Amino acid sequence: MAPAGGANLPWVEKYRPQALSELVSHRDILSTVQRFISEDRLPHLLLYGPPGTGKTSTILACARQLYRDREFGSMVLELNASDDRGIDIVRGPILSFASTRTIFKKGFKLVILDEADAMTQDAQNALRRVIEKFTENTRFCLICNYLSRIIPALQSRCTRFRFGPLTPELMVPRLQHVILQEGVDVTEDGLKALVTLSSGDMRRALNILQSTSMAFGKVTEENVYTCTGHPLKSDIANILDWMLNQDFSTAYRKITELKTLKGLALQDILTEIHLFVHRGGTRWGLADLGGRGSNIPPRPTLMCLLLSPVDFPPSIRIQLLIKMADIEYRLAAGTSEKIQLSSLIAAFQVTRDLVVAEA
């Protein structure tokens, strides 16, 4: 449900679930937490998983269920990554809040530490003693993206729940609800592009939806890809075609022009090409580009991209994936995109020659 008077709010906040019943995923986790609350046996919680999967929304909905609006401010302490969370904060505000009891109010207090994996090692070590000492009147909820960054001593004191990426089946109804409420013009392929690009992150899907609708008015597949700066499928098909069917210089020039024209990053191009190669959704076969009525001389050694779901030869695919992995590693290390683009084209042209040799 959208709150009244939230016209200027980002849609992520405007449509944030206010109650546990409004959350669309992780029903097993929600039912367990609901049972904890109803039996008044809420343990310390550790919620972890990728961003945009409902961790913060879940604990805030729990807090709203536990405390009335006028109690919320005095019974809940929420600290985010924007706050300093060194050892001084643990020994100061957190210790002070946890150690004091509220007069005329029953139940326990709640301390929410969002992005807890950003806390320093010393702060986490200090926190474990605070959690242990004041369990009688305070419950702690740690939220993080990376469980490995939370020290084992804290993990053992909490009940852990993993929030996985949302499935398209769960995301689409929620997106359609927002689209209906906001009156956005969205095509079917545009909705599919939103779900694909968000990779199970509901926050990202809503942000892309809002920015695309504001920029273009209509949310289509092309507009979504353009708004996010993500390479279109047709662009990736062209790049593959050039790398396999053109000589090195022509392919390099055309790909560089496309990158400049559309502002594409080689990392994004590499990721999309990897999906083409890894899933075996394309086939490379011998092709004679010349023929009767054509000015192009017959070149039977060139490769042509044929859109048919035939698997790529495994031995050659392995070599190509190793080369692409090396290129991605070097890009992450901060090397020149121009040099790595040359390396990518060279890898595909060597692959082309290997396929010819096998054929």
Protein backbone atom coordinates (compact mmCIF):
# COMPACT_ATOMS: atom_id res chain seq x y z
CA MET A 1 0.00 0.00 0.00
CA ALA A 2 1.24 3.52 -0.81
CA PRO A 3 1.17 5.97 2.10
CA ALA A 4 -0.91 9.09 1.72
CA GLY A 5 0.87 12.32 0.90
CA GLY A 6 4.07 10.71 -0.43
CA ALA A 7 4.03 12.39 -3.83
CA ASN A 8 7.63 13.60 -3.64
CA LEU A 9 9.08 10.45 -2.12
CA PRO A 10 11.20 8.06 -4.20
CA TRP A 11 9.08 5.04 -5.07
CA VAL A 12 11.43 2.80 -3.08
CA GLU A 13 10.34 4.56 0.14
CA LYS A 14 6.81 5.38 -0.97
CA TYR A 15 5.99 1.70 -1.54
CA ARG A 16 8.13 0.20 1.24
CA PRO A 17 6.03 -2.49 3.01
CA GLN A 18 4.73 -1.25 6.37
CA ALA A 19 3.63 -4.63 7.78
CA LEU A 20 4.90 -8.20 7.61
CA SER A 21 1.81 -9.20 5.60
CA GLU A 22 2.78 -6.75 2.81
CA LEU A 23 6.18 -8.34 2.17
CA VAL A 24 6.11 -10.43 -1.00
CA SER A 25 8.89 -12.98 -0.46
CA HIS A 26 10.65 -15.32 2.01
CA ARG A 27 7.40 -16.59 3.48
CA ASP A 28 9.20 -19.24 5.58
CA ILE A 29 11.37 -16.57 7.27
CA LEU A 30 8.40 -14.24 7.81
CA SER A 31 6.26 -17.00 9.35
CA THR A 32 9.11 -17.92 11.74
CA VAL A 33 9.63 -14.29 12.81
CA GLN A 34 5.86 -13.83 13.19
CA ARG A 35 5.78 -16.86 15.51
CA PHE A 36 8.66 -15.41 17.56
CA ILE A 37 6.73 -12.14 17.99
CA SER A 38 3.37 -13.74 18.80
CA GLU A 39 4.98 -15.97 21.46
CA ASP A 40 7.03 -13.03 22.80
CA ARG A 41 10.26 -14.99 22.29
CA LEU A 42 12.11 -12.86 19.75
CA PRO A 43 15.83 -13.78 19.75
CA HIS A 44 18.74 -11.66 18.53
CA LEU A 45 18.53 -11.68 14.72
CA LEU A 46 21.13 -11.65 11.96
CA LEU A 47 19.61 -10.96 8.53
CA TYR A 48 21.99 -11.27 5.59
CA GLY A 49 21.82 -11.43 1.81
CA PRO A 50 22.09 -9.26 -1.35
CA PRO A 51 20.74 -5.68 -1.36
CA GLY A 52 17.07 -5.00 -2.12
CA THR A 53 15.76 -8.35 -0.88
CA GLY A 54 13.68 -7.08 2.08
CA LYS A 55 15.99 -7.32 5.13
CA THR A 56 15.49 -3.77 6.45
CA SER A 57 11.80 -3.75 5.51
CA THR A 58 11.29 -6.99 7.47
CA ILE A 59 12.78 -5.75 10.75
CA LEU A 60 11.08 -2.33 10.47
CA ALA A 61 7.75 -4.07 9.93
CA CYS A 62 8.49 -6.21 13.02
CA ALA A 63 9.27 -3.07 15.04
CA ARG A 64 5.98 -1.44 13.96
CA GLN A 65 4.11 -4.57 15.02
CA LEU A 66 5.88 -4.68 18.40
CA TYR A 67 5.56 -0.99 19.29
CA ARG A 68 2.88 1.63 18.79
CA ASP A 69 3.82 4.84 16.93
CA ARG A 70 4.33 6.86 20.11
CA GLU A 71 6.57 4.14 21.60
CA PHE A 72 8.66 3.61 18.46
CA GLY A 73 11.12 6.46 19.10
CA SER A 74 11.90 5.47 22.69
CA MET A 75 11.98 1.69 22.18
CA VAL A 76 13.89 1.39 18.88
CA LEU A 77 17.46 2.52 18.13
CA GLU A 78 18.34 2.31 14.44
CA LEU A 79 21.90 2.90 13.24
CA ASN A 80 22.80 2.82 9.54
CA ALA A 81 26.05 2.73 7.57
CA SER A 82 25.94 6.54 7.41
CA ASP A 83 26.49 6.67 11.20
CA ASP A 84 29.90 6.22 12.77
CA ARG A 85 29.99 2.66 14.09
CA GLY A 86 33.38 2.42 15.70
CA ILE A 87 33.99 1.19 19.23
CA ASP A 88 33.01 4.59 20.71
CA ILE A 89 29.43 4.25 19.40
CA VAL A 90 29.13 0.75 20.90
CA ARG A 91 30.43 1.96 24.29
CA GLY A 92 28.40 5.18 24.13
CA PRO A 93 24.88 5.40 22.57
CA ILE A 94 24.35 1.64 22.09
CA LEU A 95 25.46 0.72 25.63
CA SER A 96 23.47 3.63 27.11
CA PHE A 97 20.30 2.67 25.19
CA ALA A 98 20.58 -1.06 25.96
CA SER A 99 21.37 -0.65 29.67
CA THR A 100 18.45 1.64 30.58
CA ARG A 101 14.93 0.43 31.23
CA THR A 102 11.86 2.43 30.24
CA ILE A 103 9.37 3.30 32.97
CA PHE A 104 5.68 2.40 32.44
CA LYS A 105 6.49 0.33 29.32
CA LYS A 106 6.60 -3.42 29.11
CA GLY A 107 8.67 -5.59 26.81
CA PHE A 108 12.15 -5.27 25.42
CA LYS A 109 13.91 -2.56 23.44
CA LEU A 110 15.16 -3.16 19.89
CA VAL A 111 18.55 -2.11 18.48
CA ILE A 112 18.78 -2.30 14.66
CA LEU A 113 22.29 -2.17 13.18
CA ASP A 114 21.92 -1.86 9.41
CA GLU A 115 24.97 -2.61 7.21
CA ALA A 116 26.63 -4.27 10.23
CA ASP A 117 29.42 -5.64 7.99
CA ALA A 118 30.79 -2.06 7.87
CA MET A 119 31.47 -2.12 11.63
CA THR A 120 35.10 -2.28 12.68
CA GLN A 121 36.56 -5.44 14.22
CA ASP A 122 36.98 -3.72 17.60
CA ALA A 123 33.37 -2.50 17.56
CA GLN A 124 32.09 -6.03 16.83
CA ASN A 125 34.18 -7.45 19.68
CA ALA A 126 32.82 -4.80 22.07
CA LEU A 127 29.25 -5.45 20.86
CA ARG A 128 29.29 -9.16 21.73
CA ARG A 129 29.63 -8.39 25.44
CA VAL A 130 26.87 -5.75 25.29
CA ILE A 131 24.53 -8.25 23.59
CA GLU A 132 25.25 -10.87 26.24
CA LYS A 133 24.91 -8.54 29.22
CA PHE A 134 21.62 -6.81 28.32
CA THR A 135 19.65 -9.64 26.67
CA GLU A 136 17.01 -9.41 29.41
CA ASN A 137 15.67 -6.01 28.27
CA THR A 138 17.15 -5.49 24.78
CA ARG A 139 17.13 -7.41 21.48
CA PHE A 140 19.66 -6.77 18.71
CA CYS A 141 19.11 -7.16 14.99
CA LEU A 142 22.18 -7.09 12.73
CA ILE A 143 21.65 -6.60 8.97
CA CYS A 144 24.45 -7.17 6.47
CA ASN A 145 25.23 -8.14 2.87
CA TYR A 146 28.28 -10.30 3.60
CA LEU A 147 28.05 -12.81 6.45
CA SER A 148 31.81 -13.49 6.32
CA ARG A 149 32.49 -9.95 7.58
CA ILE A 150 30.65 -10.59 10.85
CA ILE A 151 32.87 -12.17 13.51
CA PRO A 152 31.92 -15.76 14.53
CA ALA A 153 31.28 -14.66 18.15
CA LEU A 154 28.43 -12.37 16.98
CA GLN A 155 27.07 -14.95 14.55
CA SER A 156 26.77 -17.53 17.34
CA ARG A 157 24.72 -15.13 19.50
CA CYS A 158 22.09 -14.53 16.79
CA THR A 159 19.49 -16.50 14.87
CA ARG A 160 20.54 -16.22 11.23
CA PHE A 161 18.22 -15.80 8.24
CA ARG A 162 19.41 -15.56 4.65
CA PHE A 163 17.41 -13.38 2.27
CA GLY A 164 18.05 -14.61 -1.27
CA PRO A 165 17.42 -12.64 -4.49
CA LEU A 166 13.73 -12.32 -5.38
CA THR A 167 12.35 -14.49 -8.18
CA PRO A 168 10.62 -12.89 -11.21
CA GLU A 169 7.33 -14.50 -10.11
CA LEU A 170 7.46 -12.49 -6.87
CA MET A 171 8.78 -9.26 -8.39
CA VAL A 172 6.33 -8.87 -11.28
CA PRO A 173 3.09 -8.56 -9.20
CA ARG A 174 4.71 -5.94 -6.94
CA LEU A 175 6.02 -3.98 -9.93
CA GLN A 176 2.58 -4.15 -11.57
CA HIS A 177 1.04 -2.77 -8.36
CA VAL A 178 3.40 0.24 -8.44
CA ILE A 179 2.82 0.71 -12.19
CA LEU A 180 -0.96 0.73 -11.62
CA GLN A 181 -0.73 3.17 -8.69
CA GLU A 182 1.54 5.58 -10.60
CA GLY A 183 -0.16 5.20 -13.99
CA VAL A 184 3.07 4.37 -15.83
CA ASP A 185 2.97 3.22 -19.47
CA VAL A 186 4.98 -0.04 -19.49
CA THR A 187 5.28 -2.53 -22.34
CA GLU A 188 5.64 -6.28 -21.76
CA ASP A 189 9.26 -6.32 -22.95
CA GLY A 190 9.96 -3.27 -20.75
CA LEU A 191 8.71 -5.12 -17.66
CA LYS A 192 10.82 -8.14 -18.61
CA ALA A 193 13.90 -5.90 -19.00
CA LEU A 194 13.27 -4.40 -15.52
CA VAL A 195 13.22 -7.85 -13.93
CA THR A 196 16.28 -9.03 -15.91
CA LEU A 197 18.47 -6.03 -15.13
CA SER A 198 17.55 -5.89 -11.43
CA SER A 199 18.77 -9.49 -10.81
CA GLY A 200 16.41 -10.08 -7.90
CA ASP A 201 16.95 -6.64 -6.32
CA MET A 202 13.52 -5.06 -5.75
CA ARG A 203 15.00 -1.67 -4.83
CA ARG A 204 16.96 -1.54 -8.08
CA ALA A 205 13.90 -2.56 -10.13
CA LEU A 206 11.81 0.29 -8.64
CA ASN A 207 14.62 2.82 -9.14
CA ILE A 208 15.03 1.84 -12.79
CA LEU A 209 11.24 1.95 -13.30
CA GLN A 210 11.01 5.45 -11.81
CA SER A 211 14.03 6.89 -13.66
CA THR A 212 12.96 5.39 -17.02
CA SER A 213 9.37 6.66 -16.70
CA MET A 214 10.63 10.15 -15.80
CA ALA A 215 13.22 10.23 -18.60
CA PHE A 216 11.20 8.75 -21.46
CA GLY A 217 7.53 8.70 -20.42
CA LYS A 218 7.13 5.15 -21.72
CA VAL A 219 8.98 2.15 -20.29
CA THR A 220 10.10 -0.09 -23.16
CA GLU A 221 12.99 -2.55 -23.34
CA GLU A 222 15.15 -0.13 -25.32
CA ASN A 223 14.39 2.78 -22.96
CA VAL A 224 15.24 0.68 -19.88
CA TYR A 225 18.58 -0.42 -21.36
CA THR A 226 19.35 3.14 -22.50
CA CYS A 227 18.48 4.64 -19.10
CA THR A 228 20.74 2.20 -17.23
CA GLY A 229 23.57 2.44 -19.77
CA HIS A 230 23.38 -1.32 -20.30
CA PRO A 231 24.23 -2.70 -23.76
CA LEU A 232 21.22 -3.77 -25.83
CA LYS A 233 20.97 -7.38 -26.96
CA SER A 234 21.14 -6.16 -30.55
CA ASP A 235 24.39 -4.32 -29.75
CA ILE A 236 25.91 -7.48 -28.27
CA ALA A 237 24.80 -9.47 -31.34
CA ASN A 238 26.48 -6.87 -33.58
CA ILE A 239 29.69 -6.94 -31.52
CA LEU A 240 29.84 -10.74 -31.72
CA ASP A 241 29.16 -10.59 -35.44
CA TRP A 242 31.98 -8.08 -36.00
CA MET A 243 34.48 -10.04 -33.89
CA LEU A 244 33.72 -13.26 -35.78
CA ASN A 245 33.09 -12.01 -39.32
CA GLN A 246 35.34 -8.95 -39.74
CA ASP A 247 39.08 -8.58 -39.76
CA PHE A 248 40.76 -7.29 -36.58
CA SER A 249 41.06 -3.61 -37.58
CA THR A 250 37.46 -3.30 -38.80
CA ALA A 251 36.05 -5.03 -35.71
CA TYR A 252 38.13 -2.84 -33.36
CA ARG A 253 37.05 0.35 -35.12
CA LYS A 254 33.33 -0.55 -35.19
CA ILE A 255 33.21 -1.68 -31.54
CA THR A 256 35.09 1.46 -30.41
CA GLU A 257 32.62 3.66 -32.34
CA LEU A 258 29.65 1.83 -30.76
CA LYS A 259 31.16 2.15 -27.27
CA THR A 260 31.71 5.88 -27.75
CA LEU A 261 28.28 6.48 -29.30
CA LYS A 262 26.32 4.68 -26.57
CA GLY A 263 28.71 5.18 -23.64
CA LEU A 264 29.16 1.45 -23.01
CA ALA A 265 31.69 -0.02 -20.58
CA LEU A 266 33.78 -2.97 -21.70
CA GLN A 267 32.97 -4.74 -18.42
CA ASP A 268 29.23 -4.71 -19.26
CA ILE A 269 29.91 -5.87 -22.82
CA LEU A 270 32.09 -8.69 -21.51
CA THR A 271 29.41 -9.84 -19.05
CA GLU A 272 26.76 -10.02 -21.78
CA ILE A 273 29.08 -11.81 -24.23
CA HIS A 274 29.89 -14.31 -21.47
CA LEU A 275 26.17 -15.15 -21.18
CA PHE A 276 26.00 -15.76 -24.94
CA VAL A 277 29.03 -18.07 -24.87
CA HIS A 278 28.38 -19.82 -21.57
CA ARG A 279 24.73 -20.69 -22.15
CA GLY A 280 25.40 -22.08 -25.62
CA GLY A 281 22.57 -19.97 -27.03
CA THR A 282 24.43 -19.26 -30.25
CA ARG A 283 26.23 -21.23 -32.87
CA TRP A 284 29.28 -20.35 -34.90
CA GLY A 285 29.53 -22.15 -38.23
CA LEU A 286 31.36 -21.93 -41.53
CA ALA A 287 29.81 -19.41 -43.90
CA ASP A 288 30.50 -18.25 -47.42
CA LEU A 289 29.77 -14.53 -47.33
CA GLY A 290 30.27 -14.15 -51.07
CA GLY A 291 28.11 -15.49 -53.86
CA ARG A 292 26.30 -14.60 -56.99
CA GLY A 293 25.46 -10.89 -57.26
CA SER A 294 27.77 -10.04 -54.37
CA ASN A 295 30.80 -7.77 -54.46
CA ILE A 296 32.32 -9.63 -51.51
CA PRO A 297 34.74 -12.37 -52.61
CA PRO A 298 34.02 -15.82 -51.21
CA ARG A 299 35.72 -16.18 -47.78
CA PRO A 300 34.92 -19.67 -46.51
CA THR A 301 37.21 -19.29 -43.48
CA LEU A 302 35.14 -16.50 -41.90
CA MET A 303 32.68 -17.24 -39.13
CA CYS A 304 29.04 -16.23 -39.19
CA LEU A 305 26.80 -15.80 -36.15
CA LEU A 306 23.82 -18.10 -36.71
CA LEU A 307 21.00 -17.62 -34.20
CA SER A 308 20.21 -21.22 -33.36
CA PRO A 309 20.34 -22.92 -29.96
CA VAL A 310 23.24 -25.26 -30.78
CA ASP A 311 25.96 -25.72 -28.17
CA PHE A 312 29.41 -24.26 -28.69
CA PRO A 313 32.18 -26.93 -28.96
CA PRO A 314 33.18 -27.59 -25.31
CA SER A 315 36.98 -27.61 -25.79
CA ILE A 316 36.90 -24.27 -27.63
CA ARG A 317 34.38 -22.75 -25.21
CA ILE A 318 36.68 -23.56 -22.28
CA GLN A 319 39.62 -21.78 -23.92
CA LEU A 320 37.47 -18.75 -24.77
CA LEU A 321 36.07 -18.50 -21.21
CA ILE A 322 39.60 -18.63 -19.75
CA LYS A 323 40.65 -15.76 -22.03
CA MET A 324 37.56 -13.74 -21.09
CA ALA A 325 38.19 -14.39 -17.38
CA ASP A 326 41.75 -13.07 -17.78
CA ILE A 327 40.45 -9.95 -19.52
CA GLU A 328 37.88 -9.33 -16.75
CA TYR A 329 40.59 -9.76 -14.10
CA ARG A 330 42.85 -7.25 -15.86
CA LEU A 331 39.94 -4.79 -16.22
CA ALA A 332 39.26 -5.06 -12.49
CA ALA A 333 42.93 -4.29 -11.84
CA GLY A 334 42.50 -0.98 -13.72
CA THR A 335 44.22 -1.66 -17.03
CA SER A 336 43.43 0.19 -20.27
CA GLU A 337 40.06 -0.66 -21.87
CA LYS A 338 41.55 -0.19 -25.35
CA ILE A 339 44.20 -2.86 -24.77
CA GLN A 340 41.68 -5.27 -23.22
CA LEU A 341 39.25 -4.71 -26.11
CA SER A 342 42.05 -5.67 -28.50
CA SER A 343 42.66 -8.78 -26.40
CA LEU A 344 38.94 -9.70 -26.51
CA ILE A 345 38.75 -9.37 -30.29
CA ALA A 346 41.98 -11.37 -30.66
CA ALA A 347 40.56 -14.14 -28.43
CA PHE A 348 37.46 -14.45 -30.62
CA GLN A 349 39.45 -14.40 -33.84
CA VAL A 350 41.74 -17.17 -32.53
CA THR A 351 38.57 -19.07 -31.56
CA ARG A 352 37.25 -18.59 -35.08
CA ASP A 353 40.42 -20.13 -36.53
CA LEU A 354 40.19 -23.08 -34.10
CA VAL A 355 36.59 -23.78 -35.17
CA VAL A 356 37.69 -23.66 -38.80
CA ALA A 357 40.51 -26.10 -38.05
CA GLU A 358 38.11 -28.48 -36.26
CA ALA A 359 35.59 -28.25 -39.10
